[in-house]
Amino acid sequence: MLFLQLFESHLRNLRESPGRFHPDAPKYHPHPVG
């Protein structure tokens, strides 16, 4: 049961902060200067 609790908490963390898991987001790709 402990594994299920950890898995659910992991999915909850993924759902609460989806930004960092989307490398295609423009704000995570700064434009090169120069």
PDB file of N, CA and C in Angstrom:
ATOM      1  N   MET A   1       0.829  -1.211   0.000  1.00  0.00           N
ATOM      2  CA  MET A   1       0.000   0.000   0.000  1.00  0.00           C
ATOM      3  C   MET A   1       0.864   1.262   0.000  1.00  0.00           C
ATOM      4  N   LEU A   2       2.028   1.159   0.603  1.00  0.00           N
ATOM      5  CA  LEU A   2       2.910   2.323   0.639  1.00  0.00           C
ATOM      6  C   LEU A   2       3.313   2.728  -0.770  1.00  0.00           C
ATOM      7  N   PHE A   3       3.533   1.741  -1.620  1.00  0.00           N
ATOM      8  CA  PHE A   3       3.915   2.038  -2.999  1.00  0.00           C
ATOM      9  C   PHE A   3       2.815   2.809  -3.720  1.00  0.00           C
ATOM     10  N   LEU A   4       1.566   2.401  -3.484  1.00  0.00           N
ATOM     11  CA  LEU A   4       0.446   3.093  -4.123  1.00  0.00           C
ATOM     12  C   LEU A   4       0.358   4.536  -3.643  1.00  0.00           C
ATOM     13  N   GLN A   5       0.625   4.757  -2.365  1.00  0.00           N
ATOM     14  CA  GLN A   5       0.575   6.120  -1.832  1.00  0.00           C
ATOM     15  C   GLN A   5       1.663   6.974  -2.474  1.00  0.00           C
ATOM     16  N   LEU A   6       2.865   6.413  -2.612  1.00  0.00           N
ATOM     17  CA  LEU A   6       3.954   7.156  -3.241  1.00  0.00           C
ATOM     18  C   LEU A   6       3.634   7.444  -4.701  1.00  0.00           C
ATOM     19  N   PHE A   7       3.044   6.463  -5.374  1.00  0.00           N
ATOM     20  CA  PHE A   7       2.698   6.641  -6.784  1.00  0.00           C
ATOM     21  C   PHE A   7       1.648   7.733  -6.956  1.00  0.00           C
ATOM     22  N   GLU A   8       0.637   7.725  -6.088  1.00  0.00           N
ATOM     23  CA  GLU A   8      -0.407   8.749  -6.162  1.00  0.00           C
ATOM     24  C   GLU A   8       0.165  10.127  -5.874  1.00  0.00           C
ATOM     25  N   SER A   9       1.076  10.218  -4.906  1.00  0.00           N
ATOM     26  CA  SER A   9       1.680  11.516  -4.593  1.00  0.00           C
ATOM     27  C   SER A   9       2.533  11.987  -5.767  1.00  0.00           C
ATOM     28  N   HIS A  10       3.202  11.043  -6.441  1.00  0.00           N
ATOM     29  CA  HIS A  10       4.015  11.389  -7.610  1.00  0.00           C
ATOM     30  C   HIS A  10       3.140  11.938  -8.726  1.00  0.00           C
ATOM     31  N   LEU A  11       2.033  11.270  -8.996  1.00  0.00           N
ATOM     32  CA  LEU A  11       1.118  11.754 -10.030  1.00  0.00           C
ATOM     33  C   LEU A  11       0.539  13.115  -9.643  1.00  0.00           C
ATOM     34  N   ARG A  12       0.290  13.307  -8.357  1.00  0.00           N
ATOM     35  CA  ARG A  12      -0.244  14.591  -7.899  1.00  0.00           C
ATOM     36  C   ARG A  12       0.782  15.695  -8.141  1.00  0.00           C
ATOM     37  N   ASN A  13       2.044  15.419  -7.886  1.00  0.00           N
ATOM     38  CA  ASN A  13       3.087  16.415  -8.122  1.00  0.00           C
ATOM     39  C   ASN A  13       3.200  16.729  -9.607  1.00  0.00           C
ATOM     40  N   LEU A  14       3.088  15.704 -10.446  1.00  0.00           N
ATOM     41  CA  LEU A  14       3.165  15.930 -11.889  1.00  0.00           C
ATOM     42  C   LEU A  14       2.002  16.798 -12.349  1.00  0.00           C
ATOM     43  N   ARG A  15       0.840  16.568 -11.769  1.00  0.00           N
ATOM     44  CA  ARG A  15      -0.361  17.291 -12.189  1.00  0.00           C
ATOM     45  C   ARG A  15      -0.341  18.739 -11.681  1.00  0.00           C
ATOM     46  N   GLU A  16       0.295  18.959 -10.523  1.00  0.00           N
ATOM     47  CA  GLU A  16       0.313  20.309  -9.965  1.00  0.00           C
ATOM     48  C   GLU A  16       1.338  21.201 -10.657  1.00  0.00           C
ATOM     49  N   SER A  17       2.417  20.597 -11.171  1.00  0.00           N
ATOM     50  CA  SER A  17       3.448  21.405 -11.826  1.00  0.00           C
ATOM     51  C   SER A  17       3.788  20.830 -13.197  1.00  0.00           C
ATOM     52  N   PRO A  18       2.894  20.988 -14.185  1.00  0.00           N
ATOM     53  CA  PRO A  18       3.108  20.422 -15.508  1.00  0.00           C
ATOM     54  C   PRO A  18       4.116  21.216 -16.345  1.00  0.00           C
ATOM     55  N   GLY A  19       4.423  22.455 -15.925  1.00  0.00           N
ATOM     56  CA  GLY A  19       5.277  23.321 -16.739  1.00  0.00           C
ATOM     57  C   GLY A  19       6.660  22.735 -16.979  1.00  0.00           C
ATOM     58  N   ARG A  20       7.282  22.222 -15.930  1.00  0.00           N
ATOM     59  CA  ARG A  20       8.656  21.749 -16.053  1.00  0.00           C
ATOM     60  C   ARG A  20       8.746  20.487 -16.899  1.00  0.00           C
ATOM     61  N   PHE A  21       7.616  19.802 -17.109  1.00  0.00           N
ATOM     62  CA  PHE A  21       7.626  18.550 -17.860  1.00  0.00           C
ATOM     63  C   PHE A  21       7.261  18.758 -19.327  1.00  0.00           C
ATOM     64  N   HIS A  22       7.169  20.049 -19.730  1.00  0.00           N
ATOM     65  CA  HIS A  22       6.892  20.344 -21.132  1.00  0.00           C
ATOM     66  C   HIS A  22       8.054  21.150 -21.713  1.00  0.00           C
ATOM     67  N   PRO A  23       9.065  20.478 -22.245  1.00  0.00           N
ATOM     68  CA  PRO A  23      10.254  21.174 -22.768  1.00  0.00           C
ATOM     69  C   PRO A  23       9.926  22.079 -23.942  1.00  0.00           C
ATOM     70  N   ASP A  24       8.760  21.891 -24.558  1.00  0.00           N
ATOM     71  CA  ASP A  24       8.397  22.696 -25.722  1.00  0.00           C
ATOM     72  C   ASP A  24       7.817  24.054 -25.324  1.00  0.00           C
ATOM     73  N   ALA A  25       7.651  24.269 -24.017  1.00  0.00           N
ATOM     74  CA  ALA A  25       7.114  25.556 -23.571  1.00  0.00           C
ATOM     75  C   ALA A  25       8.120  26.664 -23.903  1.00  0.00           C
ATOM     76  N   PRO A  26       7.642  27.774 -24.471  1.00  0.00           N
ATOM     77  CA  PRO A  26       8.541  28.848 -24.912  1.00  0.00           C
ATOM     78  C   PRO A  26       9.334  29.475 -23.779  1.00  0.00           C
ATOM     79  N   LYS A  27       8.741  29.525 -22.580  1.00  0.00           N
ATOM     80  CA  LYS A  27       9.436  30.190 -21.474  1.00  0.00           C
ATOM     81  C   LYS A  27      10.628  29.356 -20.985  1.00  0.00           C
ATOM     82  N   TYR A  28      10.700  28.091 -21.370  1.00  0.00           N
ATOM     83  CA  TYR A  28      11.828  27.271 -20.960  1.00  0.00           C
ATOM     84  C   TYR A  28      12.885  27.208 -22.056  1.00  0.00           C
ATOM     85  N   HIS A  29      12.666  27.964 -23.132  1.00  0.00           N
ATOM     86  CA  HIS A  29      13.646  28.023 -24.212  1.00  0.00           C
ATOM     87  C   HIS A  29      14.019  29.479 -24.462  1.00  0.00           C
ATOM     88  N   PRO A  30      14.965  30.008 -23.681  1.00  0.00           N
ATOM     89  CA  PRO A  30      15.368  31.400 -23.873  1.00  0.00           C
ATOM     90  C   PRO A  30      16.016  31.593 -25.236  1.00  0.00           C
ATOM     91  N   HIS A  31      15.710  32.703 -25.860  1.00  0.00           N
ATOM     92  CA  HIS A  31      16.283  32.958 -27.175  1.00  0.00           C
ATOM     93  C   HIS A  31      17.765  33.308 -27.043  1.00  0.00           C
ATOM     94  N   PRO A  32      18.597  32.718 -27.876  1.00  0.00           N
ATOM     95  CA  PRO A  32      20.031  33.027 -27.826  1.00  0.00           C
ATOM     96  C   PRO A  32      20.299  34.479 -28.228  1.00  0.00           C
ATOM     97  N   VAL A  33      21.200  35.120 -27.519  1.00  0.00           N
ATOM     98  CA  VAL A  33      21.517  36.520 -27.799  1.00  0.00           C
ATOM     99  C   VAL A  33      22.781  36.596 -28.638  1.00  0.00           C
ATOM    100  N   GLY A  34      22.733  37.405 -29.690  1.00  0.00           N
ATOM    101  CA  GLY A  34      23.931  37.580 -30.493  1.00  0.00           C
ATOM    102  C   GLY A  34      23.780  37.011 -31.859  1.00  0.00           C
TER     103      GLY A  34
END
